[in-house]
């Protein structure tokens, strides 16, 4: 699920099951928040992990960038349970594999390490 700006108000955005659909919303002129679920884990256990992603496009003004940081506290009142938080302005950092690997690191024990 995403949360976007309608003027200066944060409103619910879109929801969906495909991460690629979320990435398409991350254009250079918008800022938005996303609460995203990934299935992570290793050979011994699979589990759902949640990430809070703050996207700030490269063409967003400095004042809006600064306000996004304080506005994030409002989003965190709604979205309270997540494994890792990301603030991203570079589309390369939005890659699904990067987010999953960061969540896996935050997840604790990694039993796959025995086979690597």
N, C-alpha and C. Protein backbone atom coordinates (compact mmCIF):
# COMPACT_ATOMS: atom_id res chain seq x y z
N UNK A 1 0.85 -1.17 0.00
CA UNK A 1 0.00 0.00 0.00
C UNK A 1 0.89 1.24 0.00
N UNK A 2 0.44 2.26 -0.69
CA UNK A 2 1.19 3.51 -0.72
C UNK A 2 0.38 4.62 -0.06
N UNK A 3 1.11 5.62 0.38
CA UNK A 3 0.53 6.84 0.90
C UNK A 3 1.17 7.98 0.12
N UNK A 4 0.34 8.84 -0.45
CA UNK A 4 0.86 9.90 -1.31
C UNK A 4 0.34 11.25 -0.84
N UNK A 5 0.81 12.28 -1.48
CA UNK A 5 0.40 13.64 -1.14
C UNK A 5 -0.72 14.10 -2.05
N UNK A 6 -1.73 14.71 -1.43
CA UNK A 6 -2.78 15.43 -2.14
C UNK A 6 -2.66 16.86 -1.64
N UNK A 7 -1.89 17.66 -2.36
CA UNK A 7 -1.52 18.98 -1.86
C UNK A 7 -0.52 18.79 -0.72
N UNK A 8 -0.89 19.24 0.48
CA UNK A 8 -0.01 19.05 1.63
C UNK A 8 -0.52 17.95 2.56
N UNK A 9 -1.59 17.28 2.16
CA UNK A 9 -2.20 16.23 2.97
C UNK A 9 -1.74 14.86 2.48
N UNK A 10 -1.44 13.98 3.43
CA UNK A 10 -1.08 12.61 3.07
C UNK A 10 -2.35 11.77 3.03
N UNK A 11 -2.56 11.09 1.91
CA UNK A 11 -3.78 10.29 1.72
C UNK A 11 -3.37 8.88 1.28
N UNK A 12 -4.26 7.90 1.50
CA UNK A 12 -3.96 6.55 1.00
C UNK A 12 -3.83 6.57 -0.51
N UNK A 13 -2.86 5.84 -1.00
CA UNK A 13 -2.64 5.74 -2.44
C UNK A 13 -3.18 4.43 -2.96
N UNK A 14 -2.38 3.75 -3.73
CA UNK A 14 -2.80 2.48 -4.33
C UNK A 14 -2.34 1.30 -3.49
N UNK A 15 -2.98 0.18 -3.75
CA UNK A 15 -2.55 -1.07 -3.13
C UNK A 15 -2.49 -2.13 -4.21
N UNK A 16 -1.69 -3.14 -3.96
CA UNK A 16 -1.56 -4.18 -4.96
C UNK A 16 -0.67 -5.30 -4.48
N UNK A 17 -0.47 -6.25 -5.35
CA UNK A 17 0.32 -7.43 -5.01
C UNK A 17 1.65 -7.48 -5.74
N UNK A 18 1.85 -6.62 -6.73
CA UNK A 18 3.07 -6.64 -7.53
C UNK A 18 3.99 -5.49 -7.16
N UNK A 19 5.21 -5.82 -6.78
CA UNK A 19 6.20 -4.79 -6.41
C UNK A 19 6.50 -3.89 -7.60
N UNK A 20 6.51 -4.43 -8.81
CA UNK A 20 6.80 -3.63 -10.00
C UNK A 20 5.77 -2.52 -10.20
N UNK A 21 4.54 -2.76 -9.79
CA UNK A 21 3.50 -1.73 -9.89
C UNK A 21 3.85 -0.56 -8.97
N UNK A 22 4.39 -0.85 -7.80
CA UNK A 22 4.83 0.21 -6.89
C UNK A 22 5.98 1.00 -7.50
N UNK A 23 6.96 0.31 -8.08
CA UNK A 23 8.12 0.99 -8.66
C UNK A 23 7.69 1.96 -9.76
N UNK A 24 6.66 1.61 -10.52
CA UNK A 24 6.17 2.49 -11.59
C UNK A 24 5.63 3.80 -11.04
N UNK A 25 5.17 3.80 -9.80
CA UNK A 25 4.65 5.02 -9.18
C UNK A 25 5.76 5.96 -8.74
N UNK A 26 6.98 5.45 -8.63
CA UNK A 26 8.12 6.22 -8.12
C UNK A 26 8.77 7.00 -9.26
N UNK A 27 8.18 8.13 -9.58
CA UNK A 27 8.73 8.98 -10.64
C UNK A 27 9.56 10.10 -10.01
N UNK A 28 10.29 10.82 -10.85
CA UNK A 28 11.23 11.84 -10.37
C UNK A 28 10.56 13.05 -9.72
N UNK A 29 9.26 13.23 -9.94
CA UNK A 29 8.60 14.43 -9.43
C UNK A 29 7.64 14.16 -8.26
N UNK A 30 7.68 12.96 -7.67
CA UNK A 30 6.77 12.66 -6.57
C UNK A 30 7.54 12.22 -5.33
N UNK A 31 6.85 12.30 -4.22
CA UNK A 31 7.32 11.73 -2.97
C UNK A 31 6.16 10.92 -2.42
N UNK A 32 6.46 9.74 -1.95
CA UNK A 32 5.42 8.88 -1.40
C UNK A 32 6.01 7.92 -0.39
N UNK A 33 5.13 7.31 0.35
CA UNK A 33 5.50 6.32 1.35
C UNK A 33 4.86 5.00 0.95
N UNK A 34 5.55 3.90 1.21
CA UNK A 34 5.01 2.58 0.87
C UNK A 34 5.26 1.62 2.02
N UNK A 35 4.26 0.81 2.28
CA UNK A 35 4.35 -0.28 3.25
C UNK A 35 4.29 -1.55 2.43
N UNK A 36 5.44 -2.25 2.35
CA UNK A 36 5.58 -3.36 1.40
C UNK A 36 5.90 -4.64 2.15
N UNK A 37 5.23 -5.73 1.75
CA UNK A 37 5.49 -7.05 2.35
C UNK A 37 6.30 -7.91 1.40
N UNK A 38 7.34 -8.53 1.96
CA UNK A 38 8.16 -9.48 1.22
C UNK A 38 8.21 -10.78 1.99
N UNK A 39 8.33 -11.89 1.28
CA UNK A 39 8.56 -13.18 1.92
C UNK A 39 10.05 -13.41 1.91
N UNK A 40 10.64 -13.54 3.09
CA UNK A 40 12.07 -13.76 3.21
C UNK A 40 12.31 -15.01 4.03
N UNK A 41 13.56 -15.28 4.26
CA UNK A 41 13.90 -16.43 5.08
C UNK A 41 14.96 -17.27 4.42
N UNK A 42 15.07 -18.48 4.91
CA UNK A 42 16.11 -19.37 4.44
C UNK A 42 15.51 -20.77 4.28
N UNK A 43 16.36 -21.75 4.16
CA UNK A 43 15.89 -23.13 3.95
C UNK A 43 15.09 -23.65 5.14
N UNK A 44 15.35 -23.12 6.32
CA UNK A 44 14.69 -23.62 7.53
C UNK A 44 13.35 -22.93 7.81
N UNK A 45 13.21 -21.67 7.39
CA UNK A 45 11.96 -20.98 7.69
C UNK A 45 11.72 -19.83 6.72
N UNK A 46 10.49 -19.69 6.33
CA UNK A 46 10.05 -18.57 5.50
C UNK A 46 9.14 -17.71 6.35
N UNK A 47 9.25 -16.40 6.18
CA UNK A 47 8.41 -15.51 6.94
C UNK A 47 8.18 -14.21 6.16
N UNK A 48 7.11 -13.53 6.52
CA UNK A 48 6.82 -12.25 5.91
C UNK A 48 7.54 -11.16 6.68
N UNK A 49 8.16 -10.27 5.94
CA UNK A 49 8.83 -9.11 6.51
C UNK A 49 8.28 -7.88 5.82
N UNK A 50 8.13 -6.82 6.58
CA UNK A 50 7.57 -5.59 6.05
C UNK A 50 8.63 -4.50 6.03
N UNK A 51 8.56 -3.67 5.00
CA UNK A 51 9.47 -2.54 4.86
C UNK A 51 8.64 -1.26 4.72
N UNK A 52 9.13 -0.19 5.32
CA UNK A 52 8.55 1.13 5.10
C UNK A 52 9.52 1.87 4.20
N UNK A 53 9.05 2.19 3.00
CA UNK A 53 9.89 2.85 2.00
C UNK A 53 9.40 4.26 1.79
N UNK A 54 10.30 5.22 1.94
CA UNK A 54 10.01 6.61 1.62
C UNK A 54 10.71 6.91 0.30
N UNK A 55 9.94 7.23 -0.72
CA UNK A 55 10.48 7.58 -2.02
C UNK A 55 10.43 9.10 -2.18
N UNK A 56 11.57 9.69 -2.54
CA UNK A 56 11.65 11.12 -2.83
C UNK A 56 12.31 11.25 -4.19
N UNK A 57 11.55 11.66 -5.18
CA UNK A 57 12.07 11.79 -6.54
C UNK A 57 13.13 12.87 -6.65
N UNK A 58 13.98 12.75 -7.64
CA UNK A 58 15.09 13.69 -7.80
C UNK A 58 14.65 15.11 -8.10
N UNK A 59 13.47 15.30 -8.68
CA UNK A 59 13.00 16.64 -9.03
C UNK A 59 12.13 17.27 -7.94
N UNK A 60 12.07 16.66 -6.76
CA UNK A 60 11.29 17.22 -5.66
C UNK A 60 12.10 18.36 -5.04
N UNK A 61 11.43 19.47 -4.73
CA UNK A 61 12.12 20.65 -4.20
C UNK A 61 12.71 20.38 -2.81
N UNK A 62 13.69 21.18 -2.46
CA UNK A 62 14.36 21.04 -1.17
C UNK A 62 13.40 21.19 0.00
N UNK A 63 12.47 22.12 -0.09
CA UNK A 63 11.50 22.32 1.00
C UNK A 63 10.61 21.10 1.15
N UNK A 64 10.15 20.54 0.04
CA UNK A 64 9.31 19.34 0.10
C UNK A 64 10.10 18.15 0.63
N UNK A 65 11.39 18.04 0.26
CA UNK A 65 12.24 16.97 0.78
C UNK A 65 12.32 17.05 2.30
N UNK A 66 12.55 18.24 2.81
CA UNK A 66 12.66 18.43 4.25
C UNK A 66 11.35 18.10 4.95
N UNK A 67 10.25 18.51 4.37
CA UNK A 67 8.94 18.26 4.98
C UNK A 67 8.61 16.77 4.98
N UNK A 68 9.11 16.03 4.02
CA UNK A 68 8.85 14.60 3.96
C UNK A 68 9.35 13.90 5.21
N UNK A 69 10.49 14.31 5.72
CA UNK A 69 11.04 13.71 6.94
C UNK A 69 10.13 13.88 8.13
N UNK A 70 9.57 15.06 8.30
CA UNK A 70 8.66 15.27 9.43
C UNK A 70 7.30 14.62 9.18
N UNK A 71 6.87 14.58 7.93
CA UNK A 71 5.60 13.94 7.61
C UNK A 71 5.64 12.43 7.84
N UNK A 72 6.84 11.86 7.74
CA UNK A 72 6.97 10.42 7.93
C UNK A 72 6.51 10.00 9.32
N UNK A 73 6.63 10.86 10.31
CA UNK A 73 6.16 10.52 11.66
C UNK A 73 4.65 10.28 11.66
N UNK A 74 3.93 11.01 10.83
CA UNK A 74 2.47 10.80 10.72
C UNK A 74 2.17 9.43 10.11
N UNK A 75 2.94 9.05 9.10
CA UNK A 75 2.75 7.75 8.46
C UNK A 75 3.07 6.64 9.46
N UNK A 76 4.09 6.85 10.28
CA UNK A 76 4.48 5.84 11.26
C UNK A 76 3.43 5.65 12.36
N UNK A 77 2.53 6.59 12.53
CA UNK A 77 1.41 6.39 13.46
C UNK A 77 0.43 5.37 12.91
N UNK A 78 0.36 5.24 11.60
CA UNK A 78 -0.53 4.28 10.94
C UNK A 78 0.20 2.96 10.70
N UNK A 79 1.41 3.04 10.18
CA UNK A 79 2.23 1.87 9.86
C UNK A 79 3.26 1.73 10.97
N UNK A 80 3.00 0.82 11.90
CA UNK A 80 3.84 0.75 13.09
C UNK A 80 4.76 -0.45 13.15
N UNK A 81 4.51 -1.47 12.37
CA UNK A 81 5.25 -2.70 12.52
C UNK A 81 5.97 -3.05 11.22
N UNK A 82 7.28 -2.75 11.16
CA UNK A 82 8.06 -3.07 9.98
C UNK A 82 9.47 -3.42 10.41
N UNK A 83 10.12 -4.25 9.59
CA UNK A 83 11.45 -4.75 9.93
C UNK A 83 12.54 -3.73 9.61
N UNK A 84 12.35 -2.97 8.55
CA UNK A 84 13.39 -2.03 8.12
C UNK A 84 12.75 -0.85 7.41
N UNK A 85 13.40 0.28 7.57
CA UNK A 85 12.94 1.51 6.95
C UNK A 85 13.96 1.98 5.92
N UNK A 86 13.47 2.44 4.77
CA UNK A 86 14.33 2.91 3.70
C UNK A 86 13.91 4.31 3.29
N UNK A 87 14.88 5.18 3.01
CA UNK A 87 14.63 6.47 2.38
C UNK A 87 15.41 6.42 1.07
N UNK A 88 14.68 6.47 -0.03
CA UNK A 88 15.30 6.20 -1.34
C UNK A 88 14.99 7.33 -2.31
N UNK A 89 16.03 7.78 -3.03
CA UNK A 89 15.88 8.74 -4.12
C UNK A 89 16.45 8.20 -5.43
N UNK A 90 17.20 7.11 -5.34
CA UNK A 90 17.86 6.51 -6.50
C UNK A 90 17.09 5.25 -6.92
N UNK A 91 16.65 5.20 -8.15
CA UNK A 91 15.84 4.06 -8.62
C UNK A 91 16.56 2.73 -8.46
N UNK A 92 17.89 2.71 -8.51
CA UNK A 92 18.64 1.46 -8.36
C UNK A 92 18.40 0.85 -6.98
N UNK A 93 18.22 1.70 -5.98
CA UNK A 93 17.98 1.20 -4.63
C UNK A 93 16.57 0.65 -4.45
N UNK A 94 15.71 0.86 -5.41
CA UNK A 94 14.35 0.32 -5.36
C UNK A 94 14.28 -1.13 -5.82
N UNK A 95 15.37 -1.64 -6.35
CA UNK A 95 15.35 -3.00 -6.89
C UNK A 95 14.92 -3.99 -5.81
N UNK A 96 14.06 -4.89 -6.21
CA UNK A 96 13.47 -5.85 -5.29
C UNK A 96 14.53 -6.70 -4.59
N UNK A 97 15.55 -7.12 -5.31
CA UNK A 97 16.61 -7.94 -4.71
C UNK A 97 17.36 -7.19 -3.62
N UNK A 98 17.59 -5.89 -3.84
CA UNK A 98 18.29 -5.07 -2.84
C UNK A 98 17.45 -4.98 -1.56
N UNK A 99 16.17 -4.69 -1.70
CA UNK A 99 15.29 -4.56 -0.53
C UNK A 99 15.21 -5.90 0.22
N UNK A 100 15.04 -6.98 -0.53
CA UNK A 100 14.96 -8.30 0.10
C UNK A 100 16.24 -8.66 0.85
N UNK A 101 17.39 -8.34 0.26
CA UNK A 101 18.65 -8.68 0.94
C UNK A 101 18.82 -7.86 2.21
N UNK A 102 18.39 -6.62 2.21
CA UNK A 102 18.46 -5.79 3.41
C UNK A 102 17.51 -6.32 4.49
N UNK A 103 16.33 -6.76 4.08
CA UNK A 103 15.39 -7.33 5.04
C UNK A 103 15.92 -8.64 5.61
N UNK A 104 16.58 -9.42 4.77
CA UNK A 104 17.14 -10.69 5.23
C UNK A 104 18.22 -10.44 6.28
N UNK A 105 19.06 -9.40 6.06
CA UNK A 105 20.08 -9.04 7.04
C UNK A 105 19.45 -8.62 8.36
N UNK A 106 18.33 -7.92 8.28
CA UNK A 106 17.65 -7.45 9.49
C UNK A 106 16.89 -8.57 10.19
N UNK A 107 16.75 -9.71 9.51
CA UNK A 107 15.91 -10.79 10.01
C UNK A 107 16.55 -11.70 11.03
N UNK A 108 17.83 -11.56 11.29
CA UNK A 108 18.46 -12.41 12.30
C UNK A 108 19.15 -13.61 11.69
N UNK A 109 18.95 -14.78 12.30
CA UNK A 109 19.66 -16.00 11.92
C UNK A 109 19.46 -16.33 10.46
N UNK A 110 20.54 -16.77 9.82
CA UNK A 110 20.51 -17.16 8.42
C UNK A 110 21.06 -18.57 8.30
N UNK A 111 20.18 -19.54 8.20
CA UNK A 111 20.61 -20.93 8.14
C UNK A 111 21.15 -21.31 6.77
N UNK A 112 20.91 -20.48 5.76
CA UNK A 112 21.49 -20.71 4.43
C UNK A 112 23.01 -20.57 4.45
N UNK A 113 23.54 -19.85 5.42
CA UNK A 113 24.98 -19.62 5.49
C UNK A 113 25.74 -20.94 5.63
N UNK A 114 25.08 -21.97 6.13
CA UNK A 114 25.73 -23.26 6.28
C UNK A 114 26.00 -23.93 4.94
N UNK A 115 25.22 -23.58 3.93
CA UNK A 115 25.39 -24.21 2.63
C UNK A 115 26.17 -23.33 1.67
N UNK A 116 26.47 -22.10 2.06
CA UNK A 116 27.18 -21.18 1.15
C UNK A 116 28.66 -21.40 1.22
